[in-house]
């Protein structure tokens, strides 16, 4: 093969590698947090889940008429720990305005989640639920935690946070929902898919 032929071959291989890298990055390297949730604007998936202590069962349908903030969390999630105080403060601040925080334990035993909450504290008006078999997490398409969904008083998913939230963004989002707006999805920080090794 001549020098010119080798040059064209090398150029072709380089171009092919670039095209392959672009396809790989666009198809397989996408952060799932950046993919819009198909639940926004749709009825919230129903659930009937046991409380973490096993004393009762809570159904989402029982909460219709309230704005429900559904937060998937775990004790092993650093971002969940970081946002916990702000979620608790939000639950207390908005409880008299028809807003209910529902925290659902994600991929850990209810006993471990309860132990964490005893240390971290809870909101009096909030509900703390287990998710046997991760049924609710699957229904909501949870990929990593924390993920937080906002359901309006009519039972429609109107917002979603991917990642750690804070008091400011929580308050602004709930104010918008109470005003009849649909905040949509926001990536608010990093998530964790499993406990760190």
C-alpha atoms as a PDB file:
ATOM      1  CA  UNK A   1       0.000   0.000   0.000  1.00  0.00           C
ATOM      2  CA  UNK A   2       1.319   3.462  -0.876  1.00  0.00           C
ATOM      3  CA  UNK A   3       1.877   6.287   1.610  1.00  0.00           C
ATOM      4  CA  UNK A   4      -1.229   8.025   0.295  1.00  0.00           C
ATOM      5  CA  UNK A   5      -3.317   4.858   0.767  1.00  0.00           C
ATOM      6  CA  UNK A   6      -2.072   4.436   4.337  1.00  0.00           C
ATOM      7  CA  UNK A   7      -2.897   8.048   5.071  1.00  0.00           C
ATOM      8  CA  UNK A   8      -6.482   7.599   3.799  1.00  0.00           C
ATOM      9  CA  UNK A   9      -6.823   4.354   5.773  1.00  0.00           C
ATOM     10  CA  UNK A  10      -5.613   6.081   8.943  1.00  0.00           C
ATOM     11  CA  UNK A  11      -8.003   8.967   8.360  1.00  0.00           C
ATOM     12  CA  UNK A  12     -10.883   6.543   7.836  1.00  0.00           C
ATOM     13  CA  UNK A  13     -10.087   4.650  11.051  1.00  0.00           C
ATOM     14  CA  UNK A  14      -9.829   7.917  13.021  1.00  0.00           C
ATOM     15  CA  UNK A  15     -13.121   9.185  11.592  1.00  0.00           C
ATOM     16  CA  UNK A  16     -14.816   5.879  12.399  1.00  0.00           C
ATOM     17  CA  UNK A  17     -13.544   6.064  15.986  1.00  0.00           C
ATOM     18  CA  UNK A  18     -14.915   9.593  16.387  1.00  0.00           C
ATOM     19  CA  UNK A  19     -18.334   8.602  14.993  1.00  0.00           C
ATOM     20  CA  UNK A  20     -18.437   5.544  17.281  1.00  0.00           C
ATOM     21  CA  UNK A  21     -17.507   7.663  20.323  1.00  0.00           C
ATOM     22  CA  UNK A  22     -20.245  10.193  19.542  1.00  0.00           C
ATOM     23  CA  UNK A  23     -22.850   7.432  19.175  1.00  0.00           C
ATOM     24  CA  UNK A  24     -21.669   5.766  22.369  1.00  0.00           C
ATOM     25  CA  UNK A  25     -21.789   9.014  24.325  1.00  0.00           C
ATOM     26  CA  UNK A  26     -25.201  10.008  23.015  1.00  0.00           C
ATOM     27  CA  UNK A  27     -26.878   6.621  23.373  1.00  0.00           C
ATOM     28  CA  UNK A  28     -25.243   4.860  26.282  1.00  0.00           C
ATOM     29  CA  UNK A  29     -23.491   7.566  28.290  1.00  0.00           C
ATOM     30  CA  UNK A  30     -26.576   9.645  28.956  1.00  0.00           C
ATOM     31  CA  UNK A  31     -27.151  10.583  32.569  1.00  0.00           C
ATOM     32  CA  UNK A  32     -30.600   9.128  33.393  1.00  0.00           C
ATOM     33  CA  UNK A  33     -31.262  12.239  35.460  1.00  0.00           C
ATOM     34  CA  UNK A  34     -31.265  14.262  32.255  1.00  0.00           C
ATOM     35  CA  UNK A  35     -33.936  12.091  30.612  1.00  0.00           C
ATOM     36  CA  UNK A  36     -37.339  13.730  31.162  1.00  0.00           C
ATOM     37  CA  UNK A  37     -39.612  11.634  33.350  1.00  0.00           C
ATOM     38  CA  UNK A  38     -42.605  10.260  31.434  1.00  0.00           C
ATOM     39  CA  UNK A  39     -44.621  10.671  34.649  1.00  0.00           C
ATOM     40  CA  UNK A  40     -44.730  14.486  34.495  1.00  0.00           C
ATOM     41  CA  UNK A  41     -48.303  15.480  33.702  1.00  0.00           C
ATOM     42  CA  UNK A  42     -49.595  11.939  34.268  1.00  0.00           C
ATOM     43  CA  UNK A  43     -51.525  10.394  37.175  1.00  0.00           C
ATOM     44  CA  UNK A  44     -49.125   9.337  39.928  1.00  0.00           C
ATOM     45  CA  UNK A  45     -48.598   5.569  40.108  1.00  0.00           C
ATOM     46  CA  UNK A  46     -50.649   4.295  43.024  1.00  0.00           C
ATOM     47  CA  UNK A  47     -49.155   2.364  45.894  1.00  0.00           C
ATOM     48  CA  UNK A  48     -50.157   0.731  49.125  1.00  0.00           C
ATOM     49  CA  UNK A  49     -47.075   0.335  51.317  1.00  0.00           C
ATOM     50  CA  UNK A  50     -46.381  -0.660  54.911  1.00  0.00           C
ATOM     51  CA  UNK A  51     -45.010   1.871  57.340  1.00  0.00           C
ATOM     52  CA  UNK A  52     -41.389   1.229  58.293  1.00  0.00           C
ATOM     53  CA  UNK A  53     -42.447  -0.109  61.691  1.00  0.00           C
ATOM     54  CA  UNK A  54     -45.032  -2.406  60.064  1.00  0.00           C
ATOM     55  CA  UNK A  55     -47.880  -1.019  62.175  1.00  0.00           C
ATOM     56  CA  UNK A  56     -50.096   0.062  59.249  1.00  0.00           C
ATOM     57  CA  UNK A  57     -50.388   0.469  55.507  1.00  0.00           C
ATOM     58  CA  UNK A  58     -50.624   3.749  53.597  1.00  0.00           C
ATOM     59  CA  UNK A  59     -52.132   4.145  50.123  1.00  0.00           C
ATOM     60  CA  UNK A  60     -51.442   7.121  47.895  1.00  0.00           C
ATOM     61  CA  UNK A  61     -55.178   7.357  47.188  1.00  0.00           C
ATOM     62  CA  UNK A  62     -55.772   8.194  50.877  1.00  0.00           C
ATOM     63  CA  UNK A  63     -53.758  11.393  50.379  1.00  0.00           C
ATOM     64  CA  UNK A  64     -55.732  12.760  47.413  1.00  0.00           C
ATOM     65  CA  UNK A  65     -56.588  16.396  48.016  1.00  0.00           C
ATOM     66  CA  UNK A  66     -53.120  17.078  49.436  1.00  0.00           C
ATOM     67  CA  UNK A  67     -49.919  17.999  47.625  1.00  0.00           C
ATOM     68  CA  UNK A  68     -47.742  14.932  48.186  1.00  0.00           C
ATOM     69  CA  UNK A  69     -43.949  15.111  48.130  1.00  0.00           C
ATOM     70  CA  UNK A  70     -42.628  11.568  47.595  1.00  0.00           C
ATOM     71  CA  UNK A  71     -38.944  11.180  48.433  1.00  0.00           C
ATOM     72  CA  UNK A  72     -37.006   7.946  47.853  1.00  0.00           C
ATOM     73  CA  UNK A  73     -34.064   7.710  50.261  1.00  0.00           C
ATOM     74  CA  UNK A  74     -31.755   5.381  52.213  1.00  0.00           C
ATOM     75  CA  UNK A  75     -29.383   5.616  55.145  1.00  0.00           C
ATOM     76  CA  UNK A  76     -26.416   4.729  52.894  1.00  0.00           C
ATOM     77  CA  UNK A  77     -27.068   7.664  50.551  1.00  0.00           C
ATOM     78  CA  UNK A  78     -24.856  10.654  51.419  1.00  0.00           C
ATOM     79  CA  UNK A  79     -27.005  13.100  49.434  1.00  0.00           C
ATOM     80  CA  UNK A  80     -30.125  11.810  51.218  1.00  0.00           C
ATOM     81  CA  UNK A  81     -28.495  12.535  54.554  1.00  0.00           C
ATOM     82  CA  UNK A  82     -27.491  16.008  53.368  1.00  0.00           C
ATOM     83  CA  UNK A  83     -31.033  16.962  52.320  1.00  0.00           C
ATOM     84  CA  UNK A  84     -32.842  15.315  55.241  1.00  0.00           C
ATOM     85  CA  UNK A  85     -33.072  18.344  57.541  1.00  0.00           C
ATOM     86  CA  UNK A  86     -34.411  20.526  54.714  1.00  0.00           C
ATOM     87  CA  UNK A  87     -37.074  17.944  53.825  1.00  0.00           C
ATOM     88  CA  UNK A  88     -38.115  17.707  57.469  1.00  0.00           C
ATOM     89  CA  UNK A  89     -38.278  21.498  57.785  1.00  0.00           C
ATOM     90  CA  UNK A  90     -40.342  21.696  54.582  1.00  0.00           C
ATOM     91  CA  UNK A  91     -42.783  19.088  55.902  1.00  0.00           C
ATOM     92  CA  UNK A  92     -43.283  21.045  59.128  1.00  0.00           C
ATOM     93  CA  UNK A  93     -43.514  24.427  57.388  1.00  0.00           C
ATOM     94  CA  UNK A  94     -46.117  23.378  54.808  1.00  0.00           C
ATOM     95  CA  UNK A  95     -48.184  20.837  56.765  1.00  0.00           C
ATOM     96  CA  UNK A  96     -50.913  23.394  57.506  1.00  0.00           C
ATOM     97  CA  UNK A  97     -51.163  24.232  53.778  1.00  0.00           C
ATOM     98  CA  UNK A  98     -52.173  20.741  52.686  1.00  0.00           C
ATOM     99  CA  UNK A  99     -48.709  19.399  51.881  1.00  0.00           C
ATOM    100  CA  UNK A 100     -47.596  15.924  52.976  1.00  0.00           C
ATOM    101  CA  UNK A 101     -44.078  14.469  52.867  1.00  0.00           C
ATOM    102  CA  UNK A 102     -43.908  10.729  52.163  1.00  0.00           C
ATOM    103  CA  UNK A 103     -40.446   9.198  52.460  1.00  0.00           C
ATOM    104  CA  UNK A 104     -39.981   5.718  51.026  1.00  0.00           C
ATOM    105  CA  UNK A 105     -36.989   3.606  52.024  1.00  0.00           C
ATOM    106  CA  UNK A 106     -34.976   2.426  49.038  1.00  0.00           C
ATOM    107  CA  UNK A 107     -33.240  -0.951  48.869  1.00  0.00           C
ATOM    108  CA  UNK A 108     -32.490  -1.455  52.531  1.00  0.00           C
ATOM    109  CA  UNK A 109     -34.223  -3.148  55.430  1.00  0.00           C
ATOM    110  CA  UNK A 110     -36.978  -1.205  57.209  1.00  0.00           C
ATOM    111  CA  UNK A 111     -35.141  -1.803  60.504  1.00  0.00           C
ATOM    112  CA  UNK A 112     -31.988  -0.088  59.171  1.00  0.00           C
ATOM    113  CA  UNK A 113     -33.997   2.818  57.764  1.00  0.00           C
ATOM    114  CA  UNK A 114     -35.827   3.248  61.078  1.00  0.00           C
ATOM    115  CA  UNK A 115     -32.522   3.213  62.935  1.00  0.00           C
ATOM    116  CA  UNK A 116     -31.261   6.000  60.676  1.00  0.00           C
ATOM    117  CA  UNK A 117     -34.426   8.081  61.174  1.00  0.00           C
ATOM    118  CA  UNK A 118     -34.156   7.744  64.948  1.00  0.00           C
ATOM    119  CA  UNK A 119     -30.731   9.353  64.642  1.00  0.00           C
ATOM    120  CA  UNK A 120     -31.620  11.930  61.954  1.00  0.00           C
ATOM    121  CA  UNK A 121     -35.079  12.954  63.180  1.00  0.00           C
ATOM    122  CA  UNK A 122     -38.503  12.972  61.563  1.00  0.00           C
ATOM    123  CA  UNK A 123     -41.314  15.397  60.793  1.00  0.00           C
ATOM    124  CA  UNK A 124     -44.505  14.897  62.764  1.00  0.00           C
ATOM    125  CA  UNK A 125     -46.765  15.128  59.711  1.00  0.00           C
ATOM    126  CA  UNK A 126     -44.595  12.977  57.412  1.00  0.00           C
ATOM    127  CA  UNK A 127     -45.168   9.331  56.536  1.00  0.00           C
ATOM    128  CA  UNK A 128     -42.243   6.885  56.436  1.00  0.00           C
ATOM    129  CA  UNK A 129     -42.811   3.785  54.333  1.00  0.00           C
ATOM    130  CA  UNK A 130     -41.073   0.575  53.319  1.00  0.00           C
ATOM    131  CA  UNK A 131     -41.046  -0.613  49.707  1.00  0.00           C
ATOM    132  CA  UNK A 132     -40.985  -4.437  49.632  1.00  0.00           C
ATOM    133  CA  UNK A 133     -39.578  -5.664  46.354  1.00  0.00           C
ATOM    134  CA  UNK A 134     -38.949  -2.040  45.288  1.00  0.00           C
ATOM    135  CA  UNK A 135     -42.399  -2.013  43.663  1.00  0.00           C
ATOM    136  CA  UNK A 136     -42.962   1.725  44.157  1.00  0.00           C
ATOM    137  CA  UNK A 137     -39.420   2.603  43.079  1.00  0.00           C
ATOM    138  CA  UNK A 138     -39.901   0.611  39.872  1.00  0.00           C
ATOM    139  CA  UNK A 139     -43.302   2.210  39.210  1.00  0.00           C
ATOM    140  CA  UNK A 140     -41.741   5.669  39.562  1.00  0.00           C
ATOM    141  CA  UNK A 141     -38.694   4.774  37.477  1.00  0.00           C
ATOM    142  CA  UNK A 142     -36.215   5.495  40.254  1.00  0.00           C
ATOM    143  CA  UNK A 143     -32.666   4.977  39.001  1.00  0.00           C
ATOM    144  CA  UNK A 144     -30.656   6.525  41.838  1.00  0.00           C
ATOM    145  CA  UNK A 145     -31.422   8.373  45.047  1.00  0.00           C
ATOM    146  CA  UNK A 146     -32.430  10.816  46.246  1.00  0.00           C
ATOM    147  CA  UNK A 147     -35.296  11.291  43.823  1.00  0.00           C
ATOM    148  CA  UNK A 148     -38.281  13.403  44.819  1.00  0.00           C
ATOM    149  CA  UNK A 149     -41.656  13.523  43.069  1.00  0.00           C
ATOM    150  CA  UNK A 150     -44.322  16.195  43.514  1.00  0.00           C
ATOM    151  CA  UNK A 151     -47.960  15.138  43.156  1.00  0.00           C
ATOM    152  CA  UNK A 152     -50.654  17.810  43.091  1.00  0.00           C
ATOM    153  CA  UNK A 153     -53.971  17.672  44.948  1.00  0.00           C
ATOM    154  CA  UNK A 154     -55.641  16.002  41.943  1.00  0.00           C
ATOM    155  CA  UNK A 155     -53.104  13.170  41.939  1.00  0.00           C
ATOM    156  CA  UNK A 156     -50.992  14.288  38.949  1.00  0.00           C
ATOM    157  CA  UNK A 157     -47.183  14.196  38.980  1.00  0.00           C
ATOM    158  CA  UNK A 158     -46.223  17.827  38.366  1.00  0.00           C
ATOM    159  CA  UNK A 159     -42.543  17.845  39.338  1.00  0.00           C
ATOM    160  CA  UNK A 160     -39.454  15.770  39.979  1.00  0.00           C
ATOM    161  CA  UNK A 161     -36.047  16.445  41.511  1.00  0.00           C
ATOM    162  CA  UNK A 162     -33.080  14.236  40.710  1.00  0.00           C
ATOM    163  CA  UNK A 163     -30.436  14.643  43.389  1.00  0.00           C
ATOM    164  CA  UNK A 164     -30.087  16.505  46.648  1.00  0.00           C
ATOM    165  CA  UNK A 165     -32.627  19.259  47.271  1.00  0.00           C
ATOM    166  CA  UNK A 166     -32.527  22.181  49.687  1.00  0.00           C
ATOM    167  CA  UNK A 167     -35.029  24.299  51.592  1.00  0.00           C
ATOM    168  CA  UNK A 168     -35.026  27.106  49.027  1.00  0.00           C
ATOM    169  CA  UNK A 169     -35.800  24.957  45.991  1.00  0.00           C
ATOM    170  CA  UNK A 170     -38.308  22.826  47.914  1.00  0.00           C
ATOM    171  CA  UNK A 171     -40.198  25.888  49.148  1.00  0.00           C
ATOM    172  CA  UNK A 172     -40.230  27.569  45.740  1.00  0.00           C
ATOM    173  CA  UNK A 173     -41.457  24.383  44.062  1.00  0.00           C
ATOM    174  CA  UNK A 174     -44.265  23.834  46.540  1.00  0.00           C
ATOM    175  CA  UNK A 175     -45.333  27.482  46.301  1.00  0.00           C
ATOM    176  CA  UNK A 176     -45.506  27.056  42.511  1.00  0.00           C
ATOM    177  CA  UNK A 177     -47.606  23.902  42.806  1.00  0.00           C
ATOM    178  CA  UNK A 178     -49.984  25.549  45.277  1.00  0.00           C
ATOM    179  CA  UNK A 179     -50.340  28.377  42.730  1.00  0.00           C
ATOM    180  CA  UNK A 180     -51.414  25.840  40.095  1.00  0.00           C
ATOM    181  CA  UNK A 181     -48.124  25.595  38.213  1.00  0.00           C
ATOM    182  CA  UNK A 182     -46.337  22.474  36.939  1.00  0.00           C
ATOM    183  CA  UNK A 183     -42.640  22.847  37.833  1.00  0.00           C
ATOM    184  CA  UNK A 184     -41.433  19.882  35.738  1.00  0.00           C
ATOM    185  CA  UNK A 185     -38.125  18.100  36.273  1.00  0.00           C
ATOM    186  CA  UNK A 186     -34.915  19.538  37.726  1.00  0.00           C
ATOM    187  CA  UNK A 187     -31.527  17.944  38.253  1.00  0.00           C
ATOM    188  CA  UNK A 188     -30.575  19.310  41.655  1.00  0.00           C
ATOM    189  CA  UNK A 189     -27.465  17.283  42.376  1.00  0.00           C
ATOM    190  CA  UNK A 190     -25.811  13.899  42.276  1.00  0.00           C
ATOM    191  CA  UNK A 191     -27.474  10.584  43.097  1.00  0.00           C
ATOM    192  CA  UNK A 192     -26.303   7.216  44.385  1.00  0.00           C
ATOM    193  CA  UNK A 193     -27.419   3.892  42.937  1.00  0.00           C
ATOM    194  CA  UNK A 194     -26.052   1.645  45.656  1.00  0.00           C
ATOM    195  CA  UNK A 195     -24.061   1.818  48.871  1.00  0.00           C
ATOM    196  CA  UNK A 196     -20.425   2.822  48.454  1.00  0.00           C
ATOM    197  CA  UNK A 197     -18.110  -0.226  48.642  1.00  0.00           C
END
